[in-house]
Protein backbone atom coordinates (compact mmCIF):
# COMPACT_ATOMS: atom_id res chain seq x y z
CA MET A 1 14.63 -118.74 2.99
CA LEU A 2 14.87 -115.95 5.39
CA LYS A 3 12.46 -117.16 7.92
CA HIS A 4 15.09 -120.04 8.63
CA TYR A 5 17.64 -117.17 9.70
CA SER A 6 18.22 -116.05 13.19
CA LEU A 7 17.75 -112.42 13.88
CA ASN A 8 21.77 -112.13 14.24
CA ARG A 9 22.02 -113.38 10.58
CA ILE A 10 18.89 -110.95 9.25
CA LEU A 11 20.85 -108.07 10.76
CA THR A 12 24.27 -109.08 9.23
CA LEU A 13 22.67 -109.64 5.90
CA ILE A 14 21.14 -106.25 6.00
CA VAL A 15 24.54 -104.68 7.19
CA ALA A 16 25.80 -106.74 4.32
CA VAL A 17 23.64 -105.18 1.61
CA GLY A 18 24.10 -101.42 3.51
CA PHE A 19 28.13 -101.70 2.61
CA PHE A 20 27.14 -102.47 -1.00
CA PHE A 21 24.34 -99.89 -0.79
CA LEU A 22 27.57 -97.43 0.31
CA ALA A 23 30.27 -98.72 -2.59
CA ILE A 24 27.43 -97.44 -5.06
CA ASP A 25 26.53 -94.22 -3.35
CA SER A 26 29.89 -93.43 -2.77
CA THR A 27 31.18 -93.81 -6.33
CA MET A 28 28.19 -91.69 -7.70
CA GLU A 29 29.55 -88.86 -5.20
CA HIS A 30 32.74 -89.31 -5.47
CA TRP A 31 32.78 -89.71 -9.28
CA GLU A 32 34.42 -86.37 -10.43
CA ILE A 33 37.27 -86.88 -7.96
CA LEU A 34 38.15 -90.54 -8.10
CA LEU A 35 41.23 -90.05 -10.53
CA LYS A 36 42.03 -86.71 -8.19
CA GLU A 37 42.33 -87.86 -5.06
CA LEU A 38 42.81 -91.62 -4.23
CA MET A 39 41.50 -91.78 -0.60
CA SER A 40 38.47 -91.09 -2.55
CA PHE A 41 38.49 -95.24 -3.27
CA VAL A 42 38.57 -95.91 0.07
CA PRO A 43 34.94 -95.96 0.90
CA ILE A 44 34.33 -98.06 -2.42
CA VAL A 45 36.41 -100.51 -1.91
CA PHE A 46 35.85 -101.03 1.76
CA GLY A 47 32.15 -100.94 0.96
CA VAL A 48 32.66 -103.90 -1.48
CA VAL A 49 34.72 -105.93 0.72
CA GLY A 50 32.73 -105.49 3.62
CA GLY A 51 29.89 -106.52 1.85
CA PHE A 52 31.40 -109.53 0.51
CA ILE A 53 32.39 -110.71 3.79
CA GLY A 54 29.14 -109.81 5.20
CA ILE A 55 27.13 -112.21 2.74
CA MET A 56 29.78 -114.82 3.33
CA THR A 57 29.23 -114.34 7.11
CA VAL A 58 25.79 -114.98 6.65
CA LEU A 59 25.90 -117.93 4.22
CA ARG A 60 28.38 -119.91 6.37
CA TRP A 61 27.84 -118.33 9.95
CA LYS A 62 30.61 -120.05 11.46
CA GLU A 63 33.06 -118.58 14.49
CA GLN A 64 35.95 -117.70 11.82
CA TRP A 65 33.64 -115.50 9.32
CA ILE A 66 31.46 -114.15 12.06
CA ARG A 67 35.05 -113.15 13.73
CA THR A 68 36.46 -111.54 10.33
CA PHE A 69 33.10 -109.31 10.00
CA GLN A 70 33.58 -108.04 13.11
CA ILE A 71 37.10 -106.63 12.39
CA ILE A 72 35.72 -106.00 9.36
CA LEU A 73 33.03 -103.78 11.35
CA LEU A 74 35.68 -102.31 13.83
CA ALA A 75 37.59 -101.04 10.67
CA ALA A 76 34.41 -99.41 9.69
CA PHE A 77 34.87 -96.64 12.28
CA LEU A 78 38.11 -95.89 11.18
CA VAL A 79 36.70 -95.39 7.38
CA ALA A 80 34.08 -93.10 9.04
CA GLY A 81 36.36 -91.14 11.14
CA THR A 82 39.04 -90.51 8.68
CA GLY A 83 35.90 -89.66 5.99
CA LEU A 84 34.64 -87.24 8.69
CA TYR A 85 38.16 -85.63 9.29
CA LEU A 86 38.57 -85.44 4.79
CA HIS A 87 35.11 -83.91 4.63
CA ILE A 88 35.64 -81.30 7.37
CA ARG A 89 39.18 -80.50 6.72
CA GLU A 90 39.65 -77.18 4.66
CA GLU A 91 41.82 -77.26 1.78
CA ASP A 92 40.80 -73.86 0.16
CA GLU A 93 40.26 -70.68 2.07
CA THR A 94 38.66 -69.25 -0.61
CA VAL A 95 35.47 -71.68 -0.98
CA GLN A 96 32.60 -70.34 -0.04
CA GLU A 97 30.24 -72.48 2.85
CA GLU A 98 27.62 -73.41 0.58
CA GLN A 99 29.94 -74.38 -1.58
CA LYS A 100 31.77 -76.49 0.70
CA GLU A 101 28.80 -77.99 2.06
CA LYS A 102 27.24 -79.27 -1.14
CA ASP A 103 30.49 -80.82 -2.11
CA LYS A 104 31.55 -82.40 1.18
CA PRO A 105 28.29 -83.60 3.13
CA ILE A 106 29.77 -83.69 6.80
CA LEU A 107 27.50 -86.75 8.07
CA ALA A 108 27.74 -89.04 4.87
CA PRO A 109 30.96 -91.05 6.18
CA LEU A 110 29.44 -91.71 9.54
CA ALA A 111 27.08 -94.14 7.48
CA PHE A 112 30.19 -96.20 7.76
CA ALA A 113 29.85 -96.19 11.54
CA GLY A 114 26.19 -96.56 11.65
CA MET A 115 26.27 -100.02 9.91
CA ALA A 116 29.42 -100.89 12.60
CA VAL A 117 26.93 -100.33 15.43
CA VAL A 118 23.89 -102.46 13.84
CA GLY A 119 26.47 -105.29 12.78
CA LEU A 120 28.35 -105.42 15.83
CA ALA A 121 24.89 -106.07 17.61
CA GLY A 122 23.95 -108.69 15.08
CA THR A 123 27.07 -110.73 15.80
CA LEU A 124 27.12 -110.51 19.43
CA ARG A 125 27.54 -113.49 21.19
CA LYS A 126 25.33 -112.36 24.02
CA TRP A 127 22.45 -112.05 21.62
CA GLN A 128 22.81 -115.07 19.14
CA ALA A 129 20.29 -116.99 18.81
CA GLU A 130 21.90 -119.68 16.69
CA THR A 131 24.92 -122.01 17.44
CA THR A 132 27.83 -121.44 15.09
CA SER A 133 30.20 -123.95 13.86
CA SER A 134 33.72 -123.87 13.64
């Protein structure tokens, strides 16, 4: 099945699956705080939505789906930036530095930005090897 896909579609598929993995990882990492902080749901919901739209883009590979997925990828930069801000923000001055690093890994939200870079590279018109239908 994959041998009939272009590099663009394969990169998009990798990113879509990556979004699902990020949703699972975010669920496991945010498990204790899910009910306490509503913002902890953002990477989970975004990962599921991004993964679903990515899969639909791979399966349909039409201009409308590609553009929708590109919007999701651009929004992933916002999710990464917001997550980075929330992870480095100091809420309690008395928390020890080691405990804070354990609870909120600083680079974890940047995974969304990395997925966005790979996804945008896969959906660029300049590199497309197959045609899209409208």
